[in-house]
Amino acid sequence: MNPKVEKLLKLPLYQRVIILAVLVVLIVGAFVWLMWLPEYEKIGQLEQDKARLVAELAQKQKIADDLPKFKAEFAKMEKQLEEALTQLPNKKEIPTLLTNLASLAKDNGLDVKSFTPKGEVSKGFFAEVPAALALVGTYHQIAEFTQAVGELSRIVNISNLSLSSPRVQGDLAILNISCKVTTFRFVDK
């Protein structure tokens, strides 16, 4: 037999138990240090990842549950956009719209003296299309004209309204009317 092993076997029992205990502690310590701690850290990291993924899943599930609501809202917004685009004509429709304004003035009994389109002013996704309008008629006729303009499906603003040079023709007070008519168009980028 090996002399070192014989020497160990001849030691008293309590020394052999201590040596065995030290060996067991070293083996257990090496196992804990080299195998168990790294795996324990991996388990902790995996648990954190799991908690994060569960939270993401819950958030995405909530979004998925709200999908019909979002689709309905999207459809509603598309409809509102279509309605807004009917109020904001494109460039082709502007001359027709301005001509319709002049016709509307004539339909309400006003005499159109001049209709002068001005330069377009860009404001981002829309542009202002102003025109100077000179009319002759009664106060009542201009009130009916502005009401008719307000009822148009397009957005049209009348500003800088000036009533001047009143004169009497028969039993009517005739006025010279000048105003700025501004309509808007959608700018497609």
C-alpha atoms as a PDB file:
ATOM      1  CA  MET A   1       0.000   0.000   0.000  1.00  0.00           C
ATOM      2  CA  ASN A   2       1.031   3.614  -0.483  1.00  0.00           C
ATOM      3  CA  PRO A   3       3.069   4.920   2.473  1.00  0.00           C
ATOM      4  CA  LYS A   4       1.120   8.204   2.571  1.00  0.00           C
ATOM      5  CA  VAL A   5      -2.193   6.381   2.807  1.00  0.00           C
ATOM      6  CA  GLU A   6      -0.770   4.127   5.548  1.00  0.00           C
ATOM      7  CA  LYS A   7       0.388   7.200   7.436  1.00  0.00           C
ATOM      8  CA  LEU A   8      -3.145   8.678   7.200  1.00  0.00           C
ATOM      9  CA  LEU A   9      -4.735   5.456   8.390  1.00  0.00           C
ATOM     10  CA  LYS A  10      -2.450   5.353  11.440  1.00  0.00           C
ATOM     11  CA  LEU A  11      -3.542   8.848  12.564  1.00  0.00           C
ATOM     12  CA  PRO A  12      -5.941   9.046  15.485  1.00  0.00           C
ATOM     13  CA  LEU A  13      -9.664   9.022  14.633  1.00  0.00           C
ATOM     14  CA  TYR A  14     -10.327  12.668  15.502  1.00  0.00           C
ATOM     15  CA  GLN A  15      -7.506  13.796  13.116  1.00  0.00           C
ATOM     16  CA  ARG A  16      -8.861  11.612  10.325  1.00  0.00           C
ATOM     17  CA  VAL A  17     -12.362  13.093  10.907  1.00  0.00           C
ATOM     18  CA  ILE A  18     -10.920  16.636  10.803  1.00  0.00           C
ATOM     19  CA  ILE A  19      -9.060  15.878   7.562  1.00  0.00           C
ATOM     20  CA  LEU A  20     -12.218  14.349   6.090  1.00  0.00           C
ATOM     21  CA  ALA A  21     -14.276  17.380   7.231  1.00  0.00           C
ATOM     22  CA  VAL A  22     -11.706  19.764   5.673  1.00  0.00           C
ATOM     23  CA  LEU A  23     -11.819  17.794   2.406  1.00  0.00           C
ATOM     24  CA  VAL A  24     -15.620  17.822   2.396  1.00  0.00           C
ATOM     25  CA  VAL A  25     -15.659  21.605   3.090  1.00  0.00           C
ATOM     26  CA  LEU A  26     -13.113  22.168   0.271  1.00  0.00           C
ATOM     27  CA  ILE A  27     -15.130  20.067  -2.166  1.00  0.00           C
ATOM     28  CA  VAL A  28     -18.412  21.737  -1.175  1.00  0.00           C
ATOM     29  CA  GLY A  29     -16.754  25.199  -1.324  1.00  0.00           C
ATOM     30  CA  ALA A  30     -15.309  24.488  -4.774  1.00  0.00           C
ATOM     31  CA  PHE A  31     -18.704  23.249  -5.945  1.00  0.00           C
ATOM     32  CA  VAL A  32     -20.475  26.343  -4.586  1.00  0.00           C
ATOM     33  CA  TRP A  33     -17.822  28.730  -5.916  1.00  0.00           C
ATOM     34  CA  LEU A  34     -17.315  27.181  -9.337  1.00  0.00           C
ATOM     35  CA  MET A  35     -20.716  25.720 -10.186  1.00  0.00           C
ATOM     36  CA  TRP A  36     -23.562  26.861  -7.969  1.00  0.00           C
ATOM     37  CA  LEU A  37     -22.878  30.667  -7.716  1.00  0.00           C
ATOM     38  CA  PRO A  38     -22.563  31.227 -11.493  1.00  0.00           C
ATOM     39  CA  GLU A  39     -25.752  29.259 -12.088  1.00  0.00           C
ATOM     40  CA  TYR A  40     -27.501  31.131  -9.256  1.00  0.00           C
ATOM     41  CA  GLU A  41     -26.553  34.441 -10.896  1.00  0.00           C
ATOM     42  CA  LYS A  42     -27.842  33.137 -14.237  1.00  0.00           C
ATOM     43  CA  ILE A  43     -31.095  32.134 -12.551  1.00  0.00           C
ATOM     44  CA  GLY A  44     -31.426  35.644 -11.065  1.00  0.00           C
ATOM     45  CA  GLN A  45     -30.777  37.230 -14.455  1.00  0.00           C
ATOM     46  CA  LEU A  46     -33.267  34.898 -16.131  1.00  0.00           C
ATOM     47  CA  GLU A  47     -35.888  35.745 -13.505  1.00  0.00           C
ATOM     48  CA  GLN A  48     -35.355  39.464 -14.184  1.00  0.00           C
ATOM     49  CA  ASP A  49     -35.669  38.817 -17.915  1.00  0.00           C
ATOM     50  CA  LYS A  50     -38.816  36.809 -17.296  1.00  0.00           C
ATOM     51  CA  ALA A  51     -40.338  39.620 -15.196  1.00  0.00           C
ATOM     52  CA  ARG A  52     -39.474  42.162 -17.925  1.00  0.00           C
ATOM     53  CA  LEU A  53     -40.937  39.950 -20.651  1.00  0.00           C
ATOM     54  CA  VAL A  54     -44.095  39.316 -18.634  1.00  0.00           C
ATOM     55  CA  ALA A  55     -44.515  43.088 -18.208  1.00  0.00           C
ATOM     56  CA  GLU A  56     -43.971  43.624 -21.958  1.00  0.00           C
ATOM     57  CA  LEU A  57     -46.434  40.851 -22.733  1.00  0.00           C
ATOM     58  CA  ALA A  58     -49.036  42.410 -20.441  1.00  0.00           C
ATOM     59  CA  GLN A  59     -48.517  45.812 -22.085  1.00  0.00           C
ATOM     60  CA  LYS A  60     -48.740  44.369 -25.598  1.00  0.00           C
ATOM     61  CA  GLN A  61     -51.754  42.277 -24.617  1.00  0.00           C
ATOM     62  CA  LYS A  62     -53.453  45.453 -23.403  1.00  0.00           C
ATOM     63  CA  ILE A  63     -52.690  47.096 -26.751  1.00  0.00           C
ATOM     64  CA  ALA A  64     -53.961  44.030 -28.590  1.00  0.00           C
ATOM     65  CA  ASP A  65     -57.137  44.072 -26.509  1.00  0.00           C
ATOM     66  CA  ASP A  66     -57.622  47.748 -27.455  1.00  0.00           C
ATOM     67  CA  LEU A  67     -56.959  47.106 -31.159  1.00  0.00           C
ATOM     68  CA  PRO A  68     -60.636  47.219 -32.197  1.00  0.00           C
ATOM     69  CA  LYS A  69     -60.982  50.525 -30.350  1.00  0.00           C
ATOM     70  CA  PHE A  70     -57.867  51.883 -32.088  1.00  0.00           C
ATOM     71  CA  LYS A  71     -59.131  50.689 -35.473  1.00  0.00           C
ATOM     72  CA  ALA A  72     -62.469  52.395 -34.888  1.00  0.00           C
ATOM     73  CA  GLU A  73     -60.694  55.577 -33.806  1.00  0.00           C
ATOM     74  CA  PHE A  74     -58.435  55.383 -36.875  1.00  0.00           C
ATOM     75  CA  ALA A  75     -61.475  54.992 -39.155  1.00  0.00           C
ATOM     76  CA  LYS A  76     -63.122  57.954 -37.424  1.00  0.00           C
ATOM     77  CA  MET A  77     -59.981  60.073 -37.907  1.00  0.00           C
ATOM     78  CA  GLU A  78     -59.789  59.095 -41.587  1.00  0.00           C
ATOM     79  CA  LYS A  79     -63.398  60.195 -42.003  1.00  0.00           C
ATOM     80  CA  GLN A  80     -62.622  63.496 -40.264  1.00  0.00           C
ATOM     81  CA  LEU A  81     -59.629  63.958 -42.574  1.00  0.00           C
ATOM     82  CA  GLU A  82     -61.836  63.359 -45.615  1.00  0.00           C
ATOM     83  CA  GLU A  83     -64.322  65.917 -44.286  1.00  0.00           C
ATOM     84  CA  ALA A  84     -61.519  68.394 -43.644  1.00  0.00           C
ATOM     85  CA  LEU A  85     -60.172  67.856 -47.149  1.00  0.00           C
ATOM     86  CA  THR A  86     -63.600  68.682 -48.565  1.00  0.00           C
ATOM     87  CA  GLN A  87     -63.312  72.003 -46.747  1.00  0.00           C
ATOM     88  CA  LEU A  88     -59.755  72.507 -47.993  1.00  0.00           C
ATOM     89  CA  PRO A  89     -59.826  72.197 -51.767  1.00  0.00           C
ATOM     90  CA  ASN A  90     -56.798  71.337 -53.822  1.00  0.00           C
ATOM     91  CA  LYS A  91     -55.152  73.757 -56.252  1.00  0.00           C
ATOM     92  CA  LYS A  92     -57.364  72.742 -59.234  1.00  0.00           C
ATOM     93  CA  GLU A  93     -60.557  73.685 -57.376  1.00  0.00           C
ATOM     94  CA  ILE A  94     -59.475  77.170 -56.262  1.00  0.00           C
ATOM     95  CA  PRO A  95     -60.359  79.095 -59.468  1.00  0.00           C
ATOM     96  CA  THR A  96     -63.774  77.419 -59.536  1.00  0.00           C
ATOM     97  CA  LEU A  97     -64.349  78.258 -55.878  1.00  0.00           C
ATOM     98  CA  LEU A  98     -63.364  81.908 -56.385  1.00  0.00           C
ATOM     99  CA  THR A  99     -65.632  82.113 -59.451  1.00  0.00           C
ATOM    100  CA  ASN A 100     -68.456  80.602 -57.385  1.00  0.00           C
ATOM    101  CA  LEU A 101     -67.950  83.355 -54.783  1.00  0.00           C
ATOM    102  CA  ALA A 102     -68.408  86.001 -57.481  1.00  0.00           C
ATOM    103  CA  SER A 103     -71.515  84.180 -58.733  1.00  0.00           C
ATOM    104  CA  LEU A 104     -72.823  83.973 -55.165  1.00  0.00           C
ATOM    105  CA  ALA A 105     -72.435  87.741 -54.837  1.00  0.00           C
ATOM    106  CA  LYS A 106     -74.411  88.269 -58.076  1.00  0.00           C
ATOM    107  CA  ASP A 107     -77.076  85.782 -56.914  1.00  0.00           C
ATOM    108  CA  ASN A 108     -77.585  87.881 -53.770  1.00  0.00           C
ATOM    109  CA  GLY A 109     -78.151  91.038 -55.837  1.00  0.00           C
ATOM    110  CA  LEU A 110     -74.692  92.520 -55.478  1.00  0.00           C
ATOM    111  CA  ASP A 111     -72.910  94.068 -58.422  1.00  0.00           C
ATOM    112  CA  VAL A 112     -69.316  92.783 -58.636  1.00  0.00           C
ATOM    113  CA  LYS A 113     -67.047  95.691 -59.574  1.00  0.00           C
ATOM    114  CA  SER A 114     -63.743  93.836 -59.247  1.00  0.00           C
ATOM    115  CA  PHE A 115     -62.472  90.473 -58.168  1.00  0.00           C
ATOM    116  CA  THR A 116     -58.681  90.351 -57.815  1.00  0.00           C
ATOM    117  CA  PRO A 117     -56.970  87.142 -56.675  1.00  0.00           C
ATOM    118  CA  LYS A 118     -53.843  87.798 -54.591  1.00  0.00           C
ATOM    119  CA  GLY A 119     -50.744  85.685 -54.030  1.00  0.00           C
ATOM    120  CA  GLU A 120     -51.093  82.431 -52.138  1.00  0.00           C
ATOM    121  CA  VAL A 121     -49.580  82.346 -48.619  1.00  0.00           C
ATOM    122  CA  SER A 122     -48.254  78.985 -47.423  1.00  0.00           C
ATOM    123  CA  LYS A 123     -48.985  78.117 -43.771  1.00  0.00           C
ATOM    124  CA  GLY A 124     -47.572  74.586 -43.496  1.00  0.00           C
ATOM    125  CA  PHE A 125     -50.045  71.879 -44.471  1.00  0.00           C
ATOM    126  CA  PHE A 126     -52.469  74.475 -45.866  1.00  0.00           C
ATOM    127  CA  ALA A 127     -52.217  77.701 -47.853  1.00  0.00           C
ATOM    128  CA  GLU A 128     -54.295  80.863 -47.705  1.00  0.00           C
ATOM    129  CA  VAL A 129     -55.696  81.990 -51.058  1.00  0.00           C
ATOM    130  CA  PRO A 130     -56.820  85.628 -50.663  1.00  0.00           C
ATOM    131  CA  ALA A 131     -58.705  87.798 -53.133  1.00  0.00           C
ATOM    132  CA  ALA A 132     -59.843  91.417 -53.063  1.00  0.00           C
ATOM    133  CA  LEU A 133     -63.528  91.857 -53.795  1.00  0.00           C
ATOM    134  CA  ALA A 134     -65.281  95.156 -54.626  1.00  0.00           C
ATOM    135  CA  LEU A 135     -69.072  95.098 -54.661  1.00  0.00           C
ATOM    136  CA  VAL A 136     -71.978  97.501 -54.920  1.00  0.00           C
ATOM    137  CA  GLY A 137     -75.297  96.816 -53.203  1.00  0.00           C
ATOM    138  CA  THR A 138     -77.441  97.311 -50.133  1.00  0.00           C
ATOM    139  CA  TYR A 139     -76.571  96.459 -46.556  1.00  0.00           C
ATOM    140  CA  HIS A 140     -79.190  93.717 -46.618  1.00  0.00           C
ATOM    141  CA  GLN A 141     -77.671  92.199 -49.779  1.00  0.00           C
ATOM    142  CA  ILE A 142     -74.164  92.095 -48.236  1.00  0.00           C
ATOM    143  CA  ALA A 143     -75.630  90.442 -45.116  1.00  0.00           C
ATOM    144  CA  GLU A 144     -77.283  87.763 -47.272  1.00  0.00           C
ATOM    145  CA  PHE A 145     -74.021  87.291 -49.219  1.00  0.00           C
ATOM    146  CA  THR A 146     -71.955  86.804 -46.044  1.00  0.00           C
ATOM    147  CA  GLN A 147     -74.542  84.356 -44.718  1.00  0.00           C
ATOM    148  CA  ALA A 148     -74.429  82.384 -47.981  1.00  0.00           C
ATOM    149  CA  VAL A 149     -70.618  82.326 -47.826  1.00  0.00           C
ATOM    150  CA  GLY A 150     -70.842  81.000 -44.267  1.00  0.00           C
ATOM    151  CA  GLU A 151     -73.046  78.136 -45.457  1.00  0.00           C
ATOM    152  CA  LEU A 152     -70.558  76.959 -48.091  1.00  0.00           C
ATOM    153  CA  SER A 153     -69.006  73.533 -47.553  1.00  0.00           C
ATOM    154  CA  ARG A 154     -65.578  75.101 -48.057  1.00  0.00           C
ATOM    155  CA  ILE A 155     -63.843  77.313 -45.532  1.00  0.00           C
ATOM    156  CA  VAL A 156     -64.074  80.928 -46.698  1.00  0.00           C
ATOM    157  CA  ASN A 157     -63.349  83.957 -44.534  1.00  0.00           C
ATOM    158  CA  ILE A 158     -64.488  87.494 -45.273  1.00  0.00           C
ATOM    159  CA  SER A 159     -62.368  90.126 -43.586  1.00  0.00           C
ATOM    160  CA  ASN A 160     -61.573  93.845 -43.837  1.00  0.00           C
ATOM    161  CA  LEU A 161     -65.198  94.542 -44.770  1.00  0.00           C
ATOM    162  CA  SER A 162     -65.569  98.215 -45.629  1.00  0.00           C
ATOM    163  CA  LEU A 163     -68.868  99.942 -46.421  1.00  0.00           C
ATOM    164  CA  SER A 164     -68.499 103.384 -47.988  1.00  0.00           C
ATOM    165  CA  SER A 165     -70.058 106.062 -50.231  1.00  0.00           C
ATOM    166  CA  PRO A 166     -73.723 105.579 -49.346  1.00  0.00           C
ATOM    167  CA  ARG A 167     -76.161 106.972 -51.915  1.00  0.00           C
ATOM    168  CA  VAL A 168     -79.886 106.665 -52.352  1.00  0.00           C
ATOM    169  CA  GLN A 169     -81.383 105.015 -55.430  1.00  0.00           C
ATOM    170  CA  GLY A 170     -85.133 105.021 -55.265  1.00  0.00           C
ATOM    171  CA  ASP A 171     -85.936 103.845 -51.734  1.00  0.00           C
ATOM    172  CA  LEU A 172     -82.660 101.849 -51.252  1.00  0.00           C
ATOM    173  CA  ALA A 173     -79.355 102.945 -49.731  1.00  0.00           C
ATOM    174  CA  ILE A 174     -76.618 101.699 -52.073  1.00  0.00           C
ATOM    175  CA  LEU A 175     -73.119 101.145 -50.664  1.00  0.00           C
ATOM    176  CA  ASN A 176     -69.698 100.554 -52.112  1.00  0.00           C
ATOM    177  CA  ILE A 177     -68.351  97.435 -50.421  1.00  0.00           C
ATOM    178  CA  SER A 178     -64.772  96.246 -50.380  1.00  0.00           C
ATOM    179  CA  CYS A 179     -63.527  93.169 -48.563  1.00  0.00           C
ATOM    180  CA  LYS A 180     -60.862  90.547 -48.504  1.00  0.00           C
ATOM    181  CA  VAL A 181     -62.094  87.033 -49.249  1.00  0.00           C
ATOM    182  CA  THR A 182     -59.748  84.276 -48.059  1.00  0.00           C
ATOM    183  CA  THR A 183     -60.150  80.625 -48.792  1.00  0.00           C
ATOM    184  CA  PHE A 184     -57.766  77.832 -47.983  1.00  0.00           C
ATOM    185  CA  ARG A 185     -56.326  74.885 -49.840  1.00  0.00           C
ATOM    186  CA  PHE A 186     -54.612  71.713 -48.735  1.00  0.00           C
ATOM    187  CA  VAL A 187     -50.878  71.609 -49.463  1.00  0.00           C
ATOM    188  CA  ASP A 188     -49.822  68.074 -50.336  1.00  0.00           C
ATOM    189  CA  LYS A 189     -46.142  67.585 -49.527  1.00  0.00           C
END
